[in-house]
Amino acid sequence: MTSQIATAATEQSSVTDEINRNMISIQDIVSHLIQSNSDSEHVVSELNEAGSELKQLVGQFKTS
């Protein structure tokens, strides 16, 4: 009985370690996603600005 308890405790410890590693991996992935989102927002903002400038430039042409 004692050896079964010891084995169960060891297994629980292993599972806990694996859960901790997975949580760290998830945290890293989320951090990368947050950074990617921030980068995407910046690019979208720049594209919006470029689109506005292009619209203004095209608006200067007169059609007959």
N, C-alpha and C. Protein backbone atom coordinates (compact mmCIF):
# COMPACT_ATOMS: atom_id res chain seq x y z
N MET A 1 0.83 -1.20 0.00
CA MET A 1 0.00 0.00 0.00
C MET A 1 0.87 1.26 0.00
N THR A 2 1.93 1.24 0.79
CA THR A 2 2.82 2.40 0.87
C THR A 2 3.50 2.67 -0.46
N SER A 3 3.89 1.59 -1.14
CA SER A 3 4.55 1.76 -2.44
C SER A 3 3.58 2.31 -3.48
N GLN A 4 2.30 1.94 -3.38
CA GLN A 4 1.30 2.47 -4.30
C GLN A 4 1.10 3.97 -4.09
N ILE A 5 1.10 4.37 -2.83
CA ILE A 5 0.96 5.79 -2.50
C ILE A 5 2.17 6.57 -3.02
N ALA A 6 3.36 5.99 -2.82
CA ALA A 6 4.58 6.63 -3.29
C ALA A 6 4.58 6.75 -4.81
N THR A 7 4.13 5.70 -5.49
CA THR A 7 4.05 5.71 -6.95
C THR A 7 3.04 6.76 -7.42
N ALA A 8 1.90 6.82 -6.77
CA ALA A 8 0.87 7.80 -7.13
C ALA A 8 1.38 9.22 -6.92
N ALA A 9 2.10 9.44 -5.82
CA ALA A 9 2.66 10.76 -5.54
C ALA A 9 3.68 11.16 -6.61
N THR A 10 4.49 10.21 -7.02
CA THR A 10 5.48 10.47 -8.07
C THR A 10 4.79 10.79 -9.39
N GLU A 11 3.75 10.04 -9.71
CA GLU A 11 3.01 10.29 -10.94
C GLU A 11 2.33 11.66 -10.91
N GLN A 12 1.76 12.00 -9.75
CA GLN A 12 1.12 13.32 -9.61
C GLN A 12 2.15 14.43 -9.79
N SER A 13 3.33 14.22 -9.24
CA SER A 13 4.39 15.21 -9.37
C SER A 13 4.79 15.37 -10.84
N SER A 14 4.88 14.26 -11.55
CA SER A 14 5.22 14.30 -12.97
C SER A 14 4.15 15.05 -13.77
N VAL A 15 2.90 14.77 -13.47
CA VAL A 15 1.79 15.44 -14.15
C VAL A 15 1.81 16.93 -13.84
N THR A 16 2.07 17.28 -12.59
CA THR A 16 2.14 18.69 -12.20
C THR A 16 3.26 19.40 -12.95
N ASP A 17 4.41 18.75 -13.08
CA ASP A 17 5.52 19.33 -13.83
C ASP A 17 5.14 19.54 -15.30
N GLU A 18 4.46 18.56 -15.86
CA GLU A 18 4.04 18.68 -17.26
C GLU A 18 3.03 19.81 -17.43
N ILE A 19 2.10 19.93 -16.51
CA ILE A 19 1.13 21.02 -16.56
C ILE A 19 1.85 22.37 -16.48
N ASN A 20 2.83 22.46 -15.60
CA ASN A 20 3.59 23.72 -15.48
C ASN A 20 4.31 24.05 -16.78
N ARG A 21 4.93 23.05 -17.40
CA ARG A 21 5.61 23.28 -18.68
C ARG A 21 4.62 23.72 -19.74
N ASN A 22 3.47 23.09 -19.77
CA ASN A 22 2.44 23.46 -20.75
C ASN A 22 1.93 24.88 -20.51
N MET A 23 1.76 25.24 -19.27
CA MET A 23 1.30 26.60 -18.94
C MET A 23 2.33 27.63 -19.39
N ILE A 24 3.60 27.33 -19.21
CA ILE A 24 4.66 28.24 -19.66
C ILE A 24 4.63 28.35 -21.18
N SER A 25 4.44 27.23 -21.86
CA SER A 25 4.34 27.25 -23.33
C SER A 25 3.15 28.08 -23.78
N ILE A 26 2.02 27.92 -23.13
CA ILE A 26 0.83 28.69 -23.45
C ILE A 26 1.09 30.18 -23.23
N GLN A 27 1.74 30.50 -22.13
CA GLN A 27 2.05 31.90 -21.83
C GLN A 27 2.95 32.48 -22.92
N ASP A 28 3.94 31.72 -23.37
CA ASP A 28 4.83 32.18 -24.45
C ASP A 28 4.04 32.41 -25.74
N ILE A 29 3.16 31.48 -26.06
CA ILE A 29 2.36 31.60 -27.28
C ILE A 29 1.47 32.84 -27.20
N VAL A 30 0.84 33.05 -26.08
CA VAL A 30 -0.03 34.21 -25.91
C VAL A 30 0.78 35.50 -26.03
N SER A 31 1.98 35.53 -25.45
CA SER A 31 2.83 36.71 -25.57
C SER A 31 3.17 36.99 -27.03
N HIS A 32 3.49 35.94 -27.79
CA HIS A 32 3.78 36.11 -29.21
C HIS A 32 2.55 36.60 -29.96
N LEU A 33 1.38 36.07 -29.63
CA LEU A 33 0.15 36.50 -30.29
C LEU A 33 -0.14 37.97 -29.99
N ILE A 34 0.08 38.39 -28.76
CA ILE A 34 -0.14 39.79 -28.39
C ILE A 34 0.80 40.69 -29.18
N GLN A 35 2.07 40.29 -29.28
CA GLN A 35 3.03 41.08 -30.05
C GLN A 35 2.66 41.12 -31.53
N SER A 36 2.24 39.98 -32.06
CA SER A 36 1.83 39.93 -33.47
C SER A 36 0.62 40.82 -33.71
N ASN A 37 -0.31 40.83 -32.78
CA ASN A 37 -1.49 41.67 -32.89
C ASN A 37 -1.09 43.14 -32.90
N SER A 38 -0.18 43.49 -32.02
CA SER A 38 0.30 44.87 -31.95
C SER A 38 0.99 45.25 -33.26
N ASP A 39 1.82 44.35 -33.79
CA ASP A 39 2.49 44.60 -35.06
C ASP A 39 1.46 44.76 -36.19
N SER A 40 0.45 43.92 -36.19
CA SER A 40 -0.60 43.98 -37.21
C SER A 40 -1.35 45.30 -37.13
N GLU A 41 -1.67 45.75 -35.92
CA GLU A 41 -2.37 47.03 -35.75
C GLU A 41 -1.53 48.16 -36.32
N HIS A 42 -0.22 48.11 -36.10
CA HIS A 42 0.68 49.15 -36.60
C HIS A 42 0.68 49.14 -38.13
N VAL A 43 0.77 47.96 -38.73
CA VAL A 43 0.78 47.86 -40.19
C VAL A 43 -0.54 48.34 -40.77
N VAL A 44 -1.65 47.97 -40.16
CA VAL A 44 -2.96 48.41 -40.64
C VAL A 44 -3.07 49.93 -40.57
N SER A 45 -2.56 50.50 -39.51
CA SER A 45 -2.57 51.95 -39.37
C SER A 45 -1.76 52.61 -40.49
N GLU A 46 -0.59 52.06 -40.78
CA GLU A 46 0.25 52.59 -41.85
C GLU A 46 -0.43 52.43 -43.21
N LEU A 47 -1.10 51.31 -43.43
CA LEU A 47 -1.81 51.09 -44.69
C LEU A 47 -2.97 52.06 -44.83
N ASN A 48 -3.66 52.32 -43.74
CA ASN A 48 -4.75 53.29 -43.75
C ASN A 48 -4.24 54.67 -44.15
N GLU A 49 -3.13 55.03 -43.55
CA GLU A 49 -2.52 56.33 -43.84
C GLU A 49 -2.10 56.40 -45.31
N ALA A 50 -1.46 55.35 -45.81
CA ALA A 50 -1.04 55.31 -47.21
C ALA A 50 -2.25 55.38 -48.13
N GLY A 51 -3.33 54.69 -47.77
CA GLY A 51 -4.55 54.71 -48.57
C GLY A 51 -5.15 56.11 -48.63
N SER A 52 -5.13 56.80 -47.51
CA SER A 52 -5.65 58.18 -47.47
C SER A 52 -4.81 59.09 -48.35
N GLU A 53 -3.49 58.94 -48.27
CA GLU A 53 -2.60 59.75 -49.10
C GLU A 53 -2.82 59.45 -50.58
N LEU A 54 -2.97 58.18 -50.92
CA LEU A 54 -3.20 57.80 -52.30
C LEU A 54 -4.52 58.37 -52.80
N LYS A 55 -5.55 58.32 -51.97
CA LYS A 55 -6.85 58.86 -52.35
C LYS A 55 -6.74 60.35 -52.62
N GLN A 56 -5.98 61.04 -51.78
CA GLN A 56 -5.79 62.47 -51.96
C GLN A 56 -5.04 62.76 -53.27
N LEU A 57 -4.01 61.98 -53.54
CA LEU A 57 -3.23 62.19 -54.76
C LEU A 57 -4.07 61.89 -56.01
N VAL A 58 -4.83 60.81 -55.99
CA VAL A 58 -5.67 60.46 -57.13
C VAL A 58 -6.75 61.51 -57.32
N GLY A 59 -7.22 62.08 -56.23
CA GLY A 59 -8.25 63.13 -56.31
C GLY A 59 -7.77 64.39 -57.01
N GLN A 60 -6.48 64.56 -57.13
CA GLN A 60 -5.94 65.76 -57.79
C GLN A 60 -6.01 65.64 -59.30
N PHE A 61 -6.19 64.43 -59.82
CA PHE A 61 -6.30 64.26 -61.26
C PHE A 61 -7.69 64.65 -61.72
N LYS A 62 -7.75 65.32 -62.84
CA LYS A 62 -9.03 65.72 -63.38
C LYS A 62 -9.37 64.79 -64.54
N THR A 63 -10.61 64.43 -64.62
CA THR A 63 -11.06 63.60 -65.74
C THR A 63 -11.90 64.45 -66.66
N SER A 64 -11.86 64.08 -67.91
CA SER A 64 -12.66 64.88 -68.85
C SER A 64 -13.87 64.13 -69.32
